[in-house]
N, C-alpha and C. Protein backbone atom coordinates (compact mmCIF):
# COMPACT_ATOMS: atom_id res chain seq x y z
N MET A 1 -35.99 65.61 -24.08
CA MET A 1 -37.41 65.72 -24.28
C MET A 1 -37.83 67.11 -23.83
N GLN A 2 -38.53 67.85 -24.70
CA GLN A 2 -39.05 69.16 -24.35
C GLN A 2 -40.52 69.04 -24.01
N SER A 3 -40.98 69.76 -22.98
CA SER A 3 -42.38 69.68 -22.56
C SER A 3 -42.84 71.04 -22.08
N VAL A 4 -44.09 71.36 -22.37
CA VAL A 4 -44.71 72.58 -21.89
C VAL A 4 -46.12 72.25 -21.44
N ILE A 5 -46.48 72.63 -20.22
CA ILE A 5 -47.84 72.40 -19.75
C ILE A 5 -48.75 73.39 -20.44
N SER A 6 -49.80 72.88 -21.07
CA SER A 6 -50.69 73.76 -21.80
C SER A 6 -52.01 74.00 -21.09
N LYS A 7 -52.43 73.10 -20.22
CA LYS A 7 -53.72 73.28 -19.57
C LYS A 7 -53.76 72.44 -18.30
N LEU A 8 -54.32 73.01 -17.25
CA LEU A 8 -54.49 72.29 -16.01
C LEU A 8 -55.95 72.32 -15.62
N VAL A 9 -56.50 71.19 -15.22
CA VAL A 9 -57.87 71.10 -14.76
C VAL A 9 -57.86 70.47 -13.38
N THR A 10 -58.40 71.16 -12.40
CA THR A 10 -58.47 70.63 -11.06
C THR A 10 -59.92 70.55 -10.65
N PRO A 11 -60.46 69.35 -10.39
CA PRO A 11 -61.86 69.22 -9.98
C PRO A 11 -62.16 70.07 -8.75
N SER A 12 -63.39 70.57 -8.66
CA SER A 12 -63.75 71.49 -7.58
C SER A 12 -63.56 70.87 -6.20
N ALA A 13 -63.80 69.59 -6.04
CA ALA A 13 -63.61 68.96 -4.74
C ALA A 13 -62.15 69.05 -4.31
N ALA A 14 -61.24 68.89 -5.26
CA ALA A 14 -59.82 68.98 -4.94
C ALA A 14 -59.45 70.42 -4.64
N ARG A 15 -60.05 71.40 -5.34
CA ARG A 15 -59.75 72.80 -5.07
C ARG A 15 -60.06 73.15 -3.62
N ASN A 16 -61.13 72.58 -3.08
CA ASN A 16 -61.48 72.85 -1.69
C ASN A 16 -60.40 72.33 -0.75
N LEU A 17 -59.77 71.22 -1.10
CA LEU A 17 -58.73 70.62 -0.27
C LEU A 17 -57.37 71.29 -0.50
N LEU A 18 -57.06 71.59 -1.76
CA LEU A 18 -55.71 71.99 -2.13
C LEU A 18 -55.54 73.47 -2.41
N GLY A 19 -56.61 74.22 -2.52
CA GLY A 19 -56.50 75.61 -2.92
C GLY A 19 -56.73 75.74 -4.41
N PRO A 20 -56.27 76.83 -5.02
CA PRO A 20 -56.63 77.11 -6.41
C PRO A 20 -56.00 76.22 -7.47
N GLY A 21 -54.98 75.46 -7.18
CA GLY A 21 -54.39 74.63 -8.22
C GLY A 21 -53.10 73.99 -7.75
N PRO A 22 -52.33 73.45 -8.69
CA PRO A 22 -51.08 72.77 -8.34
C PRO A 22 -50.10 73.73 -7.69
N GLN A 23 -49.22 73.19 -6.89
CA GLN A 23 -48.23 73.99 -6.20
C GLN A 23 -46.87 73.85 -6.88
N LEU A 24 -46.11 74.91 -6.90
CA LEU A 24 -44.76 74.88 -7.45
C LEU A 24 -43.78 74.75 -6.30
N ARG A 25 -43.03 73.65 -6.29
CA ARG A 25 -42.02 73.43 -5.25
C ARG A 25 -40.73 72.99 -5.91
N GLY A 26 -39.67 73.61 -5.55
CA GLY A 26 -38.37 73.20 -6.07
C GLY A 26 -38.29 73.28 -7.57
N GLY A 27 -39.03 74.18 -8.20
CA GLY A 27 -38.96 74.37 -9.64
C GLY A 27 -39.84 73.43 -10.44
N SER A 28 -40.66 72.60 -9.79
CA SER A 28 -41.54 71.71 -10.55
C SER A 28 -42.95 71.77 -9.99
N TRP A 29 -43.93 71.50 -10.84
CA TRP A 29 -45.32 71.52 -10.43
C TRP A 29 -45.67 70.21 -9.74
N GLU A 30 -46.45 70.32 -8.68
CA GLU A 30 -46.90 69.14 -7.96
C GLU A 30 -48.42 69.17 -7.91
N LEU A 31 -49.05 68.08 -8.28
CA LEU A 31 -50.49 67.99 -8.42
C LEU A 31 -50.99 66.76 -7.68
N CYS A 32 -52.03 66.91 -6.87
CA CYS A 32 -52.58 65.78 -6.11
C CYS A 32 -53.83 65.22 -6.76
N TYR A 33 -54.68 66.09 -7.30
CA TYR A 33 -55.91 65.71 -8.00
C TYR A 33 -55.96 66.54 -9.27
N GLY A 34 -56.32 65.93 -10.39
CA GLY A 34 -56.52 66.73 -11.58
C GLY A 34 -55.94 66.11 -12.83
N THR A 35 -55.80 66.97 -13.83
CA THR A 35 -55.34 66.55 -15.15
C THR A 35 -54.30 67.51 -15.67
N ILE A 36 -53.24 66.97 -16.19
CA ILE A 36 -52.24 67.76 -16.90
C ILE A 36 -52.37 67.39 -18.37
N ILE A 37 -52.50 68.39 -19.22
CA ILE A 37 -52.54 68.17 -20.67
C ILE A 37 -51.37 68.94 -21.25
N SER A 38 -50.50 68.23 -21.96
CA SER A 38 -49.29 68.85 -22.45
C SER A 38 -48.80 68.14 -23.71
N GLY A 39 -47.64 68.52 -24.17
CA GLY A 39 -47.04 67.88 -25.33
C GLY A 39 -45.53 67.93 -25.23
N PHE A 40 -44.86 67.06 -25.96
CA PHE A 40 -43.40 67.05 -25.97
C PHE A 40 -42.93 66.50 -27.32
N THR A 41 -41.68 66.79 -27.61
CA THR A 41 -41.03 66.25 -28.79
C THR A 41 -40.07 65.17 -28.32
N PRO A 42 -40.32 63.92 -28.71
CA PRO A 42 -39.44 62.83 -28.26
C PRO A 42 -38.01 63.02 -28.75
N ASN A 43 -37.06 62.50 -27.98
CA ASN A 43 -35.66 62.50 -28.41
C ASN A 43 -35.53 61.76 -29.72
N ARG A 44 -34.57 62.14 -30.50
CA ARG A 44 -34.30 61.51 -31.80
C ARG A 44 -35.47 61.67 -32.76
N GLY A 45 -36.41 62.56 -32.46
CA GLY A 45 -37.51 62.84 -33.38
C GLY A 45 -38.36 61.64 -33.72
N SER A 46 -38.41 60.65 -32.85
CA SER A 46 -39.17 59.44 -33.12
C SER A 46 -40.64 59.75 -33.36
N LYS A 47 -41.19 59.16 -34.41
CA LYS A 47 -42.62 59.32 -34.68
C LYS A 47 -43.40 58.07 -34.26
N GLN A 48 -42.71 57.12 -33.62
CA GLN A 48 -43.36 55.91 -33.16
C GLN A 48 -43.95 56.17 -31.77
N LEU A 49 -45.25 55.95 -31.64
CA LEU A 49 -45.93 56.23 -30.38
C LEU A 49 -45.43 55.33 -29.25
N ASP A 50 -45.07 54.08 -29.57
CA ASP A 50 -44.54 53.19 -28.54
C ASP A 50 -43.26 53.77 -27.92
N GLU A 51 -42.35 54.23 -28.77
CA GLU A 51 -41.09 54.81 -28.28
C GLU A 51 -41.35 56.11 -27.53
N ALA A 52 -42.26 56.92 -28.02
CA ALA A 52 -42.60 58.17 -27.35
C ALA A 52 -43.18 57.89 -25.96
N MET A 53 -44.02 56.88 -25.84
CA MET A 53 -44.60 56.53 -24.54
C MET A 53 -43.50 56.06 -23.59
N ARG A 54 -42.55 55.27 -24.08
CA ARG A 54 -41.44 54.83 -23.23
C ARG A 54 -40.65 56.03 -22.70
N GLN A 55 -40.37 56.99 -23.59
CA GLN A 55 -39.63 58.18 -23.18
C GLN A 55 -40.43 59.01 -22.17
N LEU A 56 -41.72 59.14 -22.38
CA LEU A 56 -42.57 59.90 -21.47
C LEU A 56 -42.60 59.25 -20.09
N VAL A 57 -42.81 57.95 -20.05
CA VAL A 57 -42.84 57.23 -18.77
C VAL A 57 -41.49 57.37 -18.06
N SER A 58 -40.40 57.21 -18.79
CA SER A 58 -39.07 57.33 -18.19
C SER A 58 -38.85 58.72 -17.62
N SER A 59 -39.25 59.74 -18.34
CA SER A 59 -39.09 61.12 -17.87
C SER A 59 -39.91 61.37 -16.61
N ILE A 60 -41.13 60.87 -16.58
CA ILE A 60 -42.00 61.04 -15.41
C ILE A 60 -41.41 60.29 -14.21
N GLN A 61 -40.91 59.09 -14.45
CA GLN A 61 -40.30 58.31 -13.35
C GLN A 61 -39.03 58.99 -12.83
N ASP A 62 -38.27 59.65 -13.71
CA ASP A 62 -37.06 60.35 -13.28
C ASP A 62 -37.38 61.46 -12.28
N THR A 63 -38.52 62.12 -12.46
CA THR A 63 -38.89 63.23 -11.58
C THR A 63 -39.81 62.79 -10.44
N ASN A 64 -40.24 61.54 -10.44
CA ASN A 64 -41.12 61.00 -9.40
C ASN A 64 -40.59 59.65 -8.93
N PRO A 65 -39.56 59.68 -8.09
CA PRO A 65 -38.99 58.41 -7.61
C PRO A 65 -40.06 57.54 -6.96
N GLY A 66 -40.00 56.25 -7.24
CA GLY A 66 -40.96 55.32 -6.66
C GLY A 66 -42.20 55.10 -7.51
N LEU A 67 -42.38 55.90 -8.54
CA LEU A 67 -43.53 55.72 -9.44
C LEU A 67 -43.26 54.51 -10.32
N ARG A 68 -44.25 53.61 -10.40
CA ARG A 68 -44.05 52.40 -11.21
C ARG A 68 -45.28 52.10 -12.05
N ALA A 69 -45.04 51.52 -13.19
CA ALA A 69 -46.14 51.13 -14.08
C ALA A 69 -46.88 49.94 -13.49
N THR A 70 -48.21 49.91 -13.65
CA THR A 70 -48.99 48.77 -13.17
C THR A 70 -49.22 47.74 -14.28
N GLY A 71 -48.74 48.03 -15.47
CA GLY A 71 -48.89 47.12 -16.61
C GLY A 71 -48.22 47.75 -17.82
N ASN A 72 -48.49 47.19 -18.98
CA ASN A 72 -47.94 47.72 -20.22
C ASN A 72 -48.93 48.68 -20.87
N PRO A 73 -48.43 49.58 -21.73
CA PRO A 73 -49.34 50.47 -22.44
C PRO A 73 -50.33 49.67 -23.30
N VAL A 74 -51.57 50.16 -23.36
CA VAL A 74 -52.60 49.53 -24.19
C VAL A 74 -53.03 50.52 -25.27
N ASN A 75 -53.47 49.97 -26.39
CA ASN A 75 -53.95 50.79 -27.50
C ASN A 75 -55.37 51.27 -27.22
N ILE A 76 -55.59 52.58 -27.39
CA ILE A 76 -56.92 53.16 -27.28
C ILE A 76 -57.07 54.19 -28.40
N SER A 77 -58.20 54.87 -28.44
CA SER A 77 -58.44 55.93 -29.40
C SER A 77 -58.88 57.18 -28.66
N VAL A 78 -58.33 58.32 -29.03
CA VAL A 78 -58.72 59.61 -28.45
C VAL A 78 -59.03 60.56 -29.60
N GLY A 79 -60.26 60.99 -29.68
CA GLY A 79 -60.64 61.91 -30.76
C GLY A 79 -60.40 61.33 -32.13
N GLY A 80 -60.57 60.02 -32.28
CA GLY A 80 -60.35 59.37 -33.56
C GLY A 80 -58.89 59.09 -33.88
N ARG A 81 -58.00 59.39 -32.98
CA ARG A 81 -56.57 59.15 -33.20
C ARG A 81 -56.10 57.97 -32.36
N ALA A 82 -55.16 57.23 -32.91
CA ALA A 82 -54.54 56.13 -32.15
C ALA A 82 -53.82 56.72 -30.94
N ALA A 83 -53.94 56.05 -29.82
CA ALA A 83 -53.32 56.52 -28.58
C ALA A 83 -52.85 55.33 -27.76
N LYS A 84 -52.02 55.60 -26.78
CA LYS A 84 -51.54 54.61 -25.82
C LYS A 84 -51.97 55.08 -24.43
N SER A 85 -52.31 54.12 -23.58
CA SER A 85 -52.71 54.43 -22.21
C SER A 85 -52.07 53.43 -21.26
N MET A 86 -51.68 53.93 -20.09
CA MET A 86 -51.18 53.04 -19.04
C MET A 86 -51.38 53.72 -17.69
N GLU A 87 -51.40 52.92 -16.64
CA GLU A 87 -51.55 53.45 -15.30
C GLU A 87 -50.28 53.21 -14.50
N MET A 88 -50.04 54.14 -13.57
CA MET A 88 -48.85 54.07 -12.73
C MET A 88 -49.27 54.32 -11.29
N LEU A 89 -48.52 53.76 -10.36
CA LEU A 89 -48.75 53.96 -8.93
C LEU A 89 -47.52 54.58 -8.30
N GLY A 90 -47.77 55.47 -7.36
CA GLY A 90 -46.68 56.12 -6.64
C GLY A 90 -47.17 56.64 -5.31
N LYS A 91 -46.46 57.61 -4.76
CA LYS A 91 -46.83 58.20 -3.48
C LYS A 91 -47.33 59.63 -3.71
N SER A 92 -48.44 59.94 -3.08
CA SER A 92 -49.06 61.25 -3.20
C SER A 92 -48.38 62.27 -2.30
N LEU A 93 -48.63 63.53 -2.57
CA LEU A 93 -48.20 64.59 -1.67
C LEU A 93 -49.08 64.63 -0.43
N ILE A 94 -50.27 64.03 -0.53
CA ILE A 94 -51.20 63.99 0.59
C ILE A 94 -50.67 62.99 1.61
N ARG A 95 -50.66 63.41 2.86
CA ARG A 95 -50.15 62.55 3.94
C ARG A 95 -51.25 62.27 4.95
N VAL A 96 -51.27 61.05 5.43
CA VAL A 96 -52.16 60.64 6.51
C VAL A 96 -51.27 60.09 7.62
N ASN A 97 -51.39 60.66 8.81
CA ASN A 97 -50.53 60.28 9.94
C ASN A 97 -49.05 60.39 9.57
N GLY A 98 -48.72 61.41 8.78
CA GLY A 98 -47.34 61.67 8.41
C GLY A 98 -46.80 60.83 7.27
N GLU A 99 -47.59 59.90 6.76
CA GLU A 99 -47.14 59.01 5.68
C GLU A 99 -47.87 59.35 4.38
N PRO A 100 -47.16 59.36 3.24
CA PRO A 100 -47.84 59.62 1.97
C PRO A 100 -48.79 58.49 1.61
N ILE A 101 -49.95 58.85 1.05
CA ILE A 101 -50.89 57.83 0.61
C ILE A 101 -50.57 57.44 -0.83
N ALA A 102 -51.13 56.33 -1.29
CA ALA A 102 -50.88 55.86 -2.65
C ALA A 102 -51.57 56.78 -3.66
N GLU A 103 -50.90 57.01 -4.77
CA GLU A 103 -51.42 57.86 -5.84
C GLU A 103 -51.45 57.05 -7.14
N ARG A 104 -52.48 57.27 -7.94
CA ARG A 104 -52.59 56.61 -9.24
C ARG A 104 -52.55 57.68 -10.33
N ILE A 105 -51.84 57.38 -11.40
CA ILE A 105 -51.77 58.27 -12.57
C ILE A 105 -52.13 57.45 -13.79
N ARG A 106 -53.08 57.94 -14.57
CA ARG A 106 -53.38 57.34 -15.87
C ARG A 106 -52.74 58.24 -16.91
N LEU A 107 -51.85 57.69 -17.69
CA LEU A 107 -51.12 58.42 -18.70
C LEU A 107 -51.64 58.04 -20.07
N VAL A 108 -52.01 59.03 -20.88
CA VAL A 108 -52.52 58.80 -22.23
C VAL A 108 -51.68 59.64 -23.19
N ALA A 109 -51.15 59.03 -24.25
CA ALA A 109 -50.33 59.75 -25.23
C ALA A 109 -50.87 59.50 -26.63
N LEU A 110 -50.83 60.54 -27.47
CA LEU A 110 -51.24 60.42 -28.86
C LEU A 110 -50.38 61.33 -29.72
N GLN A 111 -50.28 60.98 -30.99
CA GLN A 111 -49.46 61.75 -31.92
C GLN A 111 -50.13 63.07 -32.23
N GLY A 112 -49.37 64.16 -32.12
CA GLY A 112 -49.84 65.48 -32.52
C GLY A 112 -49.31 65.81 -33.91
N LYS A 113 -49.19 67.08 -34.21
CA LYS A 113 -48.66 67.51 -35.52
C LYS A 113 -47.16 67.29 -35.57
N GLY A 114 -46.68 66.85 -36.72
CA GLY A 114 -45.25 66.63 -36.90
C GLY A 114 -44.73 65.61 -35.90
N SER A 115 -43.65 65.97 -35.20
CA SER A 115 -43.07 65.04 -34.22
C SER A 115 -43.61 65.27 -32.80
N LEU A 116 -44.56 66.20 -32.64
CA LEU A 116 -45.13 66.48 -31.32
C LEU A 116 -46.00 65.32 -30.84
N VAL A 117 -45.82 64.93 -29.58
CA VAL A 117 -46.65 63.93 -28.94
C VAL A 117 -47.43 64.64 -27.83
N LEU A 118 -48.74 64.50 -27.87
CA LEU A 118 -49.61 65.10 -26.85
C LEU A 118 -49.86 64.07 -25.77
N TYR A 119 -49.99 64.54 -24.54
CA TYR A 119 -50.31 63.59 -23.48
C TYR A 119 -51.22 64.22 -22.43
N MET A 120 -51.93 63.33 -21.73
CA MET A 120 -52.77 63.70 -20.61
C MET A 120 -52.36 62.82 -19.44
N ALA A 121 -52.20 63.43 -18.29
CA ALA A 121 -51.90 62.68 -17.07
C ALA A 121 -53.04 62.96 -16.09
N PHE A 122 -53.81 61.92 -15.77
CA PHE A 122 -54.93 62.02 -14.85
C PHE A 122 -54.44 61.55 -13.49
N VAL A 123 -54.53 62.40 -12.47
CA VAL A 123 -53.90 62.16 -11.18
C VAL A 123 -54.92 62.22 -10.05
N ALA A 124 -54.87 61.24 -9.15
CA ALA A 124 -55.70 61.24 -7.94
C ALA A 124 -55.13 60.22 -6.96
N PRO A 125 -55.42 60.39 -5.67
CA PRO A 125 -55.06 59.33 -4.74
C PRO A 125 -55.69 58.01 -5.19
N ASP A 126 -54.98 56.92 -5.01
CA ASP A 126 -55.45 55.62 -5.49
C ASP A 126 -56.85 55.29 -4.96
N ALA A 127 -57.11 55.61 -3.69
CA ALA A 127 -58.42 55.30 -3.09
C ALA A 127 -59.56 56.08 -3.75
N ASP A 128 -59.25 57.23 -4.37
CA ASP A 128 -60.27 58.07 -5.01
C ASP A 128 -60.32 57.92 -6.52
N PHE A 129 -59.34 57.25 -7.10
CA PHE A 129 -59.20 57.26 -8.55
C PHE A 129 -60.43 56.69 -9.26
N ASP A 130 -60.94 55.55 -8.79
CA ASP A 130 -62.09 54.95 -9.47
C ASP A 130 -63.30 55.87 -9.44
N SER A 131 -63.50 56.62 -8.35
CA SER A 131 -64.64 57.54 -8.30
C SER A 131 -64.44 58.74 -9.23
N MET A 132 -63.20 59.03 -9.60
CA MET A 132 -62.91 60.14 -10.52
C MET A 132 -62.75 59.67 -11.96
N ARG A 133 -62.72 58.37 -12.17
CA ARG A 133 -62.46 57.82 -13.50
C ARG A 133 -63.44 58.34 -14.55
N SER A 134 -64.74 58.44 -14.20
CA SER A 134 -65.71 58.91 -15.19
C SER A 134 -65.44 60.37 -15.57
N THR A 135 -65.00 61.18 -14.62
CA THR A 135 -64.65 62.57 -14.93
C THR A 135 -63.42 62.60 -15.83
N PHE A 136 -62.42 61.81 -15.49
CA PHE A 136 -61.22 61.74 -16.33
C PHE A 136 -61.57 61.25 -17.73
N ASP A 137 -62.46 60.25 -17.83
CA ASP A 137 -62.87 59.74 -19.14
C ASP A 137 -63.59 60.82 -19.96
N ARG A 138 -64.42 61.64 -19.30
CA ARG A 138 -65.11 62.73 -20.02
C ARG A 138 -64.11 63.74 -20.54
N ILE A 139 -63.10 64.05 -19.73
CA ILE A 139 -62.05 64.98 -20.19
C ILE A 139 -61.35 64.39 -21.42
N MET A 140 -61.00 63.10 -21.34
CA MET A 140 -60.30 62.46 -22.45
C MET A 140 -61.17 62.42 -23.70
N ARG A 141 -62.45 62.08 -23.55
CA ARG A 141 -63.36 62.01 -24.72
C ARG A 141 -63.58 63.38 -25.35
N SER A 142 -63.50 64.44 -24.54
CA SER A 142 -63.75 65.78 -25.06
C SER A 142 -62.48 66.41 -25.69
N PHE A 143 -61.36 65.75 -25.54
CA PHE A 143 -60.09 66.28 -26.04
C PHE A 143 -60.08 66.27 -27.56
N ALA A 144 -59.75 67.41 -28.12
CA ALA A 144 -59.65 67.52 -29.59
C ALA A 144 -58.31 68.18 -29.92
N ALA A 145 -57.40 67.44 -30.52
CA ALA A 145 -56.11 67.98 -30.92
C ALA A 145 -56.29 68.82 -32.18
N ARG A 146 -55.60 69.96 -32.23
CA ARG A 146 -55.69 70.83 -33.42
C ARG A 146 -54.35 71.03 -34.04
């Protein structure tokens, strides 16, 4: 699976806590609050969104041990296009008393041009996620694939 990060959005409240944006550690980006918008080409050139979502979730879990799905992908629409959405729980980079706090990720995938699959990953500590949900929803509603 090939992937390139195309845009990062970090809410201003998180910038005050984390600095100007995600941190690069060990060759990978780490994000505590915000949105990753990117795209990838699924293995075997699959044009099925269900299979692409499975590959995306597997790839994310490979790089984030302990991250688990809270349910199955659900059908939604983004910019008039069919999309899949699911939420995952894991451990944040943020620590309280030396222990990582719970983190929630909402993953949204939709078909781009050709075999490209676009995705958005909305990330926040689990305790803050519901208060950020409306911001994440506005980002998702404003997304226009070209």
